[in-house]
């Protein structure tokens, strides 16, 4: 294949390949990650890697590039951006044109995270055959599904986690090292009732009225308990009542009502059994567990990697500052699978998911240089 002649050209090629996560864009004709993963595989082969595709969901693989090494038994280093993007709905720029204006490359994924992926791939290209003589065994994985549930990183960690001593996840962090973030759990609480005509409400059971008093008691109870799981780095877990839905018409007694709670979990809460266990404890203590059902409709893992980890020390040695993040990413899943992990990459999270998403060429080139210098610490 013809390798792009600059990091900017490589990022343009990546942005031009639609890889919208279909779980983020139901009914929008999202094509998923396969085409982008295939192209990344060609780039990796051109860089000297042995490439394989590990299908996680039908037609949606992780793309894995393993670089040859001159000796066995080296600690494994994983470079891990994701290939999927969020929906393009509402964008004010052409999401797949990858146009350059005023030193910015516009398009969906340019910041999150095809920019970090292009920078990593360019650094690997520049390192060339020297990769094999490094003191680590280098593997690149383009992860599918990060934007919804992170099945790609979960699957990868379960299958290959024992092979790696450090993972550098590609996210736009202004080249700061995110070593800690909270996890996220969405719980759907449901109450059932019995519908009837609104003029005779006494003949039915109002599901909304079943659920509302439970929420009114549950939320203050949670807000009093969550500080018990405070982390010195990440602070206290939080809960937000984000959605409530019940009934179909004013003149019908509602037979169902649902509320969605958004928990941001610290490692202490996660390790204790998490938000679901805490809510179940409340319901059982008040004999409500038969009235209210709980369903986990989304989750991710918290991240808290020891700053003394060798990979973090290497990042610090080339000028990266330790920081935390309010968002979550694949690093939590990989760490949960036993791989010490951080997130670090060019660009700002402020540009991610926006209607005019972009990455500056200056930031992209700085990212490629940064990743190359990080790899050189293993000489």
Protein backbone atom coordinates (compact mmCIF):
# COMPACT_ATOMS: atom_id res chain seq x y z
CA UNK A 1 0.00 0.00 0.00
CA UNK A 2 1.02 3.64 -0.35
CA UNK A 3 1.77 4.94 3.11
CA UNK A 4 0.47 8.49 3.73
CA UNK A 5 3.23 11.07 3.55
CA UNK A 6 2.49 12.90 6.82
CA UNK A 7 0.62 12.42 10.10
CA UNK A 8 -2.03 14.82 8.80
CA UNK A 9 -2.54 12.77 5.63
CA UNK A 10 -2.81 9.60 7.71
CA UNK A 11 -5.44 11.16 9.98
CA UNK A 12 -7.38 12.35 6.93
CA UNK A 13 -7.48 8.80 5.58
CA UNK A 14 -8.75 7.51 8.93
CA UNK A 15 -11.44 10.19 9.28
CA UNK A 16 -12.69 9.53 5.74
CA UNK A 17 -13.59 5.97 6.70
CA UNK A 18 -16.92 6.01 8.59
CA UNK A 19 -16.69 3.95 11.77
CA UNK A 20 -19.69 5.14 13.76
CA UNK A 21 -20.53 2.77 16.59
CA UNK A 22 -23.98 1.36 15.72
CA UNK A 23 -24.85 1.16 19.42
CA UNK A 24 -24.45 4.96 19.56
CA UNK A 25 -26.55 5.59 16.47
CA UNK A 26 -29.57 3.28 16.28
CA UNK A 27 -31.52 3.69 13.06
CA UNK A 28 -28.84 5.92 11.50
CA UNK A 29 -27.26 3.35 9.19
CA UNK A 30 -24.02 3.23 11.17
CA UNK A 31 -21.59 0.84 9.52
CA UNK A 32 -19.38 0.01 12.50
CA UNK A 33 -15.63 -0.44 12.69
CA UNK A 34 -14.75 -3.10 10.11
CA UNK A 35 -13.65 -0.86 7.23
CA UNK A 36 -11.53 1.31 9.49
CA UNK A 37 -10.02 -1.73 11.25
CA UNK A 38 -9.13 -3.19 7.85
CA UNK A 39 -7.31 -0.02 6.82
CA UNK A 40 -5.50 0.15 10.16
CA UNK A 41 -4.44 -3.44 9.61
CA UNK A 42 -2.88 -2.47 6.26
CA UNK A 43 -1.02 0.40 7.93
CA UNK A 44 0.26 -1.91 10.66
CA UNK A 45 1.51 -4.42 8.11
CA UNK A 46 3.32 -1.61 6.31
CA UNK A 47 4.95 -0.79 9.66
CA UNK A 48 6.18 -4.37 10.01
CA UNK A 49 3.58 -5.87 12.35
CA UNK A 50 1.91 -9.24 12.10
CA UNK A 51 -1.79 -8.41 11.92
CA UNK A 52 -4.85 -10.32 13.07
CA UNK A 53 -8.51 -9.49 13.48
CA UNK A 54 -10.37 -10.64 16.57
CA UNK A 55 -14.11 -10.40 16.01
CA UNK A 56 -15.86 -9.28 19.19
CA UNK A 57 -19.34 -8.72 17.77
CA UNK A 58 -20.46 -9.80 14.28
CA UNK A 59 -18.56 -7.71 11.74
CA UNK A 60 -16.93 -5.65 14.47
CA UNK A 61 -13.35 -6.77 15.22
CA UNK A 62 -10.44 -5.55 17.24
CA UNK A 63 -7.45 -5.14 14.92
CA UNK A 64 -4.19 -6.36 16.50
CA UNK A 65 -0.67 -5.70 15.26
CA UNK A 66 2.18 -7.56 16.97
CA UNK A 67 5.66 -6.29 16.21
CA UNK A 68 8.52 -8.79 15.94
CA UNK A 69 11.07 -8.84 18.76
CA UNK A 70 14.68 -9.98 18.83
CA UNK A 71 14.19 -11.91 22.10
CA UNK A 72 11.51 -13.75 23.99
CA UNK A 73 10.23 -12.94 27.46
CA UNK A 74 10.21 -9.15 27.19
CA UNK A 75 7.46 -7.28 29.07
CA UNK A 76 4.54 -6.48 26.80
CA UNK A 77 3.71 -2.86 25.90
CA UNK A 78 0.25 -2.19 24.48
CA UNK A 79 -0.74 0.88 22.44
CA UNK A 80 -4.53 1.02 22.43
CA UNK A 81 -6.67 3.66 20.73
CA UNK A 82 -10.23 2.86 19.65
CA UNK A 83 -11.49 2.81 16.07
CA UNK A 84 -15.18 3.60 16.67
CA UNK A 85 -16.77 7.05 16.89
CA UNK A 86 -20.00 8.49 18.21
CA UNK A 87 -22.93 9.50 16.00
CA UNK A 88 -22.57 12.23 13.37
CA UNK A 89 -26.07 13.61 13.97
CA UNK A 90 -26.12 17.39 14.33
CA UNK A 91 -22.62 17.98 12.99
CA UNK A 92 -22.06 21.31 11.25
CA UNK A 93 -19.04 20.09 9.27
CA UNK A 94 -18.87 17.18 6.84
CA UNK A 95 -18.10 14.33 9.27
CA UNK A 96 -16.06 12.32 6.78
CA UNK A 97 -14.47 14.93 4.50
CA UNK A 98 -11.42 15.45 6.75
CA UNK A 99 -11.07 19.00 5.45
CA UNK A 100 -8.14 21.11 6.61
CA UNK A 101 -8.87 24.72 7.51
CA UNK A 102 -6.67 27.08 9.50
CA UNK A 103 -4.38 24.25 10.55
CA UNK A 104 -7.23 22.07 11.82
CA UNK A 105 -8.37 18.68 10.53
CA UNK A 106 -12.15 18.51 10.84
CA UNK A 107 -14.36 15.43 11.05
CA UNK A 108 -15.85 12.83 13.33
CA UNK A 109 -13.15 11.03 15.26
CA UNK A 110 -10.41 13.54 14.42
CA UNK A 111 -10.03 14.21 18.15
CA UNK A 112 -11.61 11.08 19.66
CA UNK A 113 -9.60 9.03 18.88
CA UNK A 114 -8.40 8.74 15.32
CA UNK A 115 -5.99 11.58 16.06
CA UNK A 116 -4.24 9.59 18.78
CA UNK A 117 -4.35 6.52 16.54
CA UNK A 118 -2.70 8.38 13.64
CA UNK A 119 -0.04 9.74 15.99
CA UNK A 120 0.70 6.27 17.40
CA UNK A 121 0.86 4.69 13.95
CA UNK A 122 3.16 7.44 12.69
CA UNK A 123 5.48 6.95 15.66
CA UNK A 124 5.60 3.22 14.96
CA UNK A 125 6.39 3.96 11.30
CA UNK A 126 9.24 6.25 12.33
CA UNK A 127 10.69 3.69 14.76
CA UNK A 128 10.86 1.11 11.97
CA UNK A 129 12.98 -1.98 12.58
CA UNK A 130 14.24 -0.53 15.86
CA UNK A 131 10.99 -1.67 17.50
CA UNK A 132 12.28 -5.23 17.60
CA UNK A 133 15.33 -4.30 19.65
CA UNK A 134 13.44 -2.37 22.34
CA UNK A 135 13.34 -3.77 25.87
CA UNK A 136 9.59 -4.37 25.52
CA UNK A 137 7.46 -6.37 23.10
CA UNK A 138 5.20 -3.87 21.30
CA UNK A 139 1.61 -4.58 20.34
CA UNK A 140 -0.92 -2.18 18.84
CA UNK A 141 -4.65 -2.81 19.15
CA UNK A 142 -7.40 -0.77 17.54
CA UNK A 143 -10.30 -1.42 19.89
CA UNK A 144 -13.90 -1.60 18.76
CA UNK A 145 -16.91 -0.45 20.77
CA UNK A 146 -15.33 2.03 23.19
CA UNK A 147 -18.13 4.56 22.83
CA UNK A 148 -20.82 2.16 24.09
CA UNK A 149 -20.03 -0.45 26.72
CA UNK A 150 -16.39 -1.05 25.73
CA UNK A 151 -16.78 -4.70 24.68
CA UNK A 152 -13.58 -4.50 22.63
CA UNK A 153 -11.26 -3.70 25.53
CA UNK A 154 -13.10 -6.08 27.85
CA UNK A 155 -12.72 -8.90 25.34
CA UNK A 156 -9.07 -8.09 24.69
CA UNK A 157 -8.17 -7.98 28.39
CA UNK A 158 -9.89 -11.30 29.04
CA UNK A 159 -8.01 -13.01 26.20
CA UNK A 160 -4.61 -11.35 26.28
CA UNK A 161 -4.30 -9.40 29.54
CA UNK A 162 -1.61 -11.62 31.01
CA UNK A 163 0.76 -10.73 28.13
CA UNK A 164 1.15 -7.05 28.99
CA UNK A 165 2.83 -5.07 31.73
CA UNK A 166 1.53 -1.67 30.58
CA UNK A 167 -1.11 -0.21 28.28
CA UNK A 168 -1.13 3.28 26.84
CA UNK A 169 -4.69 4.07 25.77
CA UNK A 170 -5.15 6.75 23.14
CA UNK A 171 -7.46 9.55 24.29
CA UNK A 172 -7.18 13.33 23.81
CA UNK A 173 -5.60 14.43 27.10
CA UNK A 174 -3.34 17.29 25.94
CA UNK A 175 -0.51 14.74 26.38
CA UNK A 176 -1.13 14.54 30.12
CA UNK A 177 -1.25 11.09 31.72
CA UNK A 178 -4.69 10.16 33.03
CA UNK A 179 -4.01 7.49 35.63
CA UNK A 180 -7.33 7.65 37.49
CA UNK A 181 -10.98 8.11 36.64
CA UNK A 182 -14.30 6.99 38.09
CA UNK A 183 -16.35 4.21 36.60
CA UNK A 184 -19.93 4.63 35.44
CA UNK A 185 -22.98 2.45 36.07
CA UNK A 186 -26.51 3.09 34.80
CA UNK A 187 -29.23 1.37 36.78
CA UNK A 188 -32.80 1.14 35.54
CA UNK A 189 -35.32 0.85 38.38
CA UNK A 190 -38.78 -0.33 37.36
CA UNK A 191 -42.14 -0.58 39.07
CA UNK A 192 -45.19 -2.42 37.74
CA UNK A 193 -48.82 -1.62 38.24
CA UNK A 194 -52.19 -2.38 36.60
CA UNK A 195 -53.73 -0.08 34.04
CA UNK A 196 -57.36 0.99 33.89
CA UNK A 197 -59.41 3.98 32.81
CA UNK A 198 -58.27 7.24 34.35
CA UNK A 199 -61.79 8.00 35.57
CA UNK A 200 -61.69 4.97 37.89
CA UNK A 201 -58.15 4.96 39.27
CA UNK A 202 -59.21 2.91 42.27
CA UNK A 203 -59.59 -0.10 39.95
CA UNK A 204 -55.92 -0.09 38.93
CA UNK A 205 -52.47 0.19 40.43
CA UNK A 206 -50.48 3.29 39.56
CA UNK A 207 -46.88 2.31 38.80
CA UNK A 208 -45.67 5.90 38.96
CA UNK A 209 -46.99 6.23 42.48
CA UNK A 210 -45.24 2.97 43.38
CA UNK A 211 -41.85 4.25 42.17
CA UNK A 212 -41.89 7.91 43.23
CA UNK A 213 -41.84 7.37 47.02
CA UNK A 214 -39.08 4.79 46.60
CA UNK A 215 -36.95 7.33 44.73
CA UNK A 216 -37.71 10.03 47.29
CA UNK A 217 -36.35 7.78 50.04
CA UNK A 218 -33.57 6.13 48.04
CA UNK A 219 -31.76 9.22 46.79
CA UNK A 220 -31.11 10.85 50.19
CA UNK A 221 -30.08 7.45 51.55
CA UNK A 222 -27.57 7.00 48.71
CA UNK A 223 -26.23 10.53 49.11
CA UNK A 224 -25.57 9.76 52.77
CA UNK A 225 -23.90 6.40 52.04
CA UNK A 226 -21.76 7.23 49.00
CA UNK A 227 -19.20 9.29 50.98
CA UNK A 228 -18.27 6.02 52.74
CA UNK A 229 -16.54 5.08 49.48
CA UNK A 230 -14.59 8.31 49.00
CA UNK A 231 -11.20 8.04 47.30
CA UNK A 232 -8.36 10.40 48.20
CA UNK A 233 -7.66 11.00 44.49
CA UNK A 234 -11.10 10.85 42.88
CA UNK A 235 -13.32 12.09 45.68
CA UNK A 236 -16.76 10.69 46.47
CA UNK A 237 -18.97 8.58 44.21
CA UNK A 238 -22.01 10.41 42.86
CA UNK A 239 -25.53 9.55 41.77
CA UNK A 240 -27.82 11.40 39.39
CA UNK A 241 -31.47 10.70 38.67
CA UNK A 242 -31.19 11.24 34.95
CA UNK A 243 -34.43 9.89 33.49
CA UNK A 244 -37.91 8.95 34.59
CA UNK A 245 -40.64 7.64 32.35
CA UNK A 246 -44.07 6.23 33.05
CA UNK A 247 -47.53 5.97 31.57
CA UNK A 248 -48.87 6.48 28.07
CA UNK A 249 -51.79 8.91 28.42
CA UNK A 250 -53.30 11.19 31.06
CA UNK A 251 -56.54 9.19 31.03
CA UNK A 252 -54.91 5.80 31.65
CA UNK A 253 -53.59 4.60 35.00
CA UNK A 254 -49.94 3.72 34.23
CA UNK A 255 -48.95 0.08 34.41
CA UNK A 256 -45.21 0.74 34.39
CA UNK A 257 -42.71 3.34 35.44
CA UNK A 258 -38.93 3.42 34.98
CA UNK A 259 -36.18 5.60 36.40
CA UNK A 260 -32.51 5.62 35.37
CA UNK A 261 -29.78 6.42 37.88
CA UNK A 262 -26.27 7.41 36.75
CA UNK A 263 -23.62 6.39 39.28
CA UNK A 264 -19.98 7.45 39.04
CA UNK A 265 -18.11 4.83 41.02
CA UNK A 266 -14.79 5.09 42.82
CA UNK A 267 -12.61 1.98 42.99
CA UNK A 268 -13.75 1.46 46.61
CA UNK A 269 -17.42 1.37 45.62
CA UNK A 270 -16.69 -0.80 42.58
CA UNK A 271 -14.70 -3.31 44.64
CA UNK A 272 -17.39 -3.48 47.33
CA UNK A 273 -19.93 -4.76 44.82
CA UNK A 274 -20.90 -1.49 43.22
CA UNK A 275 -23.98 0.66 42.96
CA UNK A 276 -26.33 -2.23 42.20
CA UNK A 277 -25.45 -3.95 45.46
CA UNK A 278 -25.97 -0.71 47.36
CA UNK A 279 -29.42 -0.10 45.84
CA UNK A 280 -30.40 -3.70 46.47
CA UNK A 281 -29.36 -3.29 50.10
CA UNK A 282 -31.75 -0.35 50.41
CA UNK A 283 -34.64 -2.18 48.77
CA UNK A 284 -34.20 -5.30 50.89
CA UNK A 285 -33.94 -3.29 54.11
CA UNK A 286 -37.36 -1.82 53.34
CA UNK A 287 -38.87 -5.00 51.89
CA UNK A 288 -39.23 -3.37 48.47
CA UNK A 289 -37.20 -5.84 46.42
CA UNK A 290 -40.35 -7.58 45.17
CA UNK A 291 -41.90 -4.28 44.12
CA UNK A 292 -38.92 -2.72 42.34
CA UNK A 293 -36.67 -4.46 39.82
CA UNK A 294 -33.09 -3.39 38.99
CA UNK A 295 -31.38 -3.71 35.62
CA UNK A 296 -27.83 -2.65 34.72
CA UNK A 297 -28.14 -0.99 31.31
CA UNK A 298 -24.59 0.33 31.06
CA UNK A 299 -21.35 0.14 32.96
CA UNK A 300 -17.63 0.82 32.84
CA UNK A 301 -14.73 0.22 35.21
CA UNK A 302 -12.94 2.82 37.34
CA UNK A 303 -9.23 3.38 36.85
CA UNK A 304 -6.56 3.91 39.50
CA UNK A 305 -3.08 2.91 38.35
CA UNK A 306 -0.14 3.18 40.73
CA UNK A 307 1.92 6.27 39.76
CA UNK A 308 5.05 4.26 40.50
CA UNK A 309 4.27 1.96 37.54
CA UNK A 310 7.22 1.78 35.16
CA UNK A 311 5.23 2.97 32.16
CA UNK A 312 4.00 6.03 34.04
CA UNK A 313 7.53 6.89 35.12
CA UNK A 314 8.61 6.73 31.49
CA UNK A 315 5.80 9.07 30.43
CA UNK A 316 6.80 11.48 33.16
CA UNK A 317 10.41 11.32 32.01
CA UNK A 318 9.42 12.84 28.66
CA UNK A 319 7.41 15.62 30.26
CA UNK A 320 3.90 14.24 30.74
CA UNK A 321 2.06 15.43 33.86
CA UNK A 322 -0.11 13.12 35.96
CA UNK A 323 -3.79 14.00 36.04
CA UNK A 324 -7.28 12.54 36.54
CA UNK A 325 -10.37 12.79 34.35
CA UNK A 326 -14.14 13.13 34.86
CA UNK A 327 -14.76 10.81 31.91
CA UNK A 328 -14.01 7.10 31.51
CA UNK A 329 -12.34 5.07 28.76
CA UNK A 330 -10.90 1.70 27.73
CA UNK A 331 -8.07 2.08 30.27
CA UNK A 332 -10.49 1.10 33.04
CA UNK A 333 -11.49 -2.11 31.26
CA UNK A 334 -7.89 -3.04 30.49
CA UNK A 335 -6.84 -2.34 34.08
CA UNK A 336 -9.76 -4.42 35.30
CA UNK A 337 -8.34 -7.26 33.20
CA UNK A 338 -4.96 -6.99 34.90
CA UNK A 339 -3.05 -4.59 32.64
CA UNK A 340 -1.72 -1.45 34.39
CA UNK A 341 -3.14 1.26 32.14
CA UNK A 342 -3.30 4.99 31.53
CA UNK A 343 -4.78 7.27 28.86
CA UNK A 344 -2.60 9.83 27.09
CA UNK A 345 -2.79 11.50 23.72
CA UNK A 346 -2.76 14.71 21.69
CA UNK A 347 -5.65 17.16 21.52
CA UNK A 348 -8.25 18.23 24.04
CA UNK A 349 -11.28 16.29 25.23
CA UNK A 350 -13.17 19.56 24.71
CA UNK A 351 -13.14 18.83 20.95
CA UNK A 352 -14.46 15.27 21.31
CA UNK A 353 -18.04 14.51 20.24
CA UNK A 354 -18.63 18.12 19.15
CA UNK A 355 -20.62 19.37 16.15
CA UNK A 356 -17.41 20.60 14.51
CA UNK A 357 -14.88 18.12 15.91
CA UNK A 358 -11.28 18.81 14.95
CA UNK A 359 -7.64 18.26 15.84
CA UNK A 360 -4.94 20.79 15.06
CA UNK A 361 -2.07 19.59 12.92
CA UNK A 362 0.33 21.06 15.47
CA UNK A 363 -1.17 18.88 18.21
CA UNK A 364 -1.19 15.82 15.95
CA UNK A 365 2.48 16.19 15.08
CA UNK A 366 3.34 16.83 18.73
CA UNK A 367 1.51 13.62 19.60
CA UNK A 368 3.47 11.59 17.03
CA UNK A 369 6.72 12.99 18.40
CA UNK A 370 5.60 12.29 21.98
CA UNK A 371 4.74 8.64 21.28
CA UNK A 372 8.04 8.14 19.45
CA UNK A 373 9.97 9.58 22.40
CA UNK A 374 8.00 7.33 24.75
CA UNK A 375 8.97 4.26 22.72
CA UNK A 376 12.58 5.42 22.71
CA UNK A 377 12.64 5.23 26.52
CA UNK A 378 12.69 1.43 26.03
CA UNK A 379 16.00 1.52 24.12
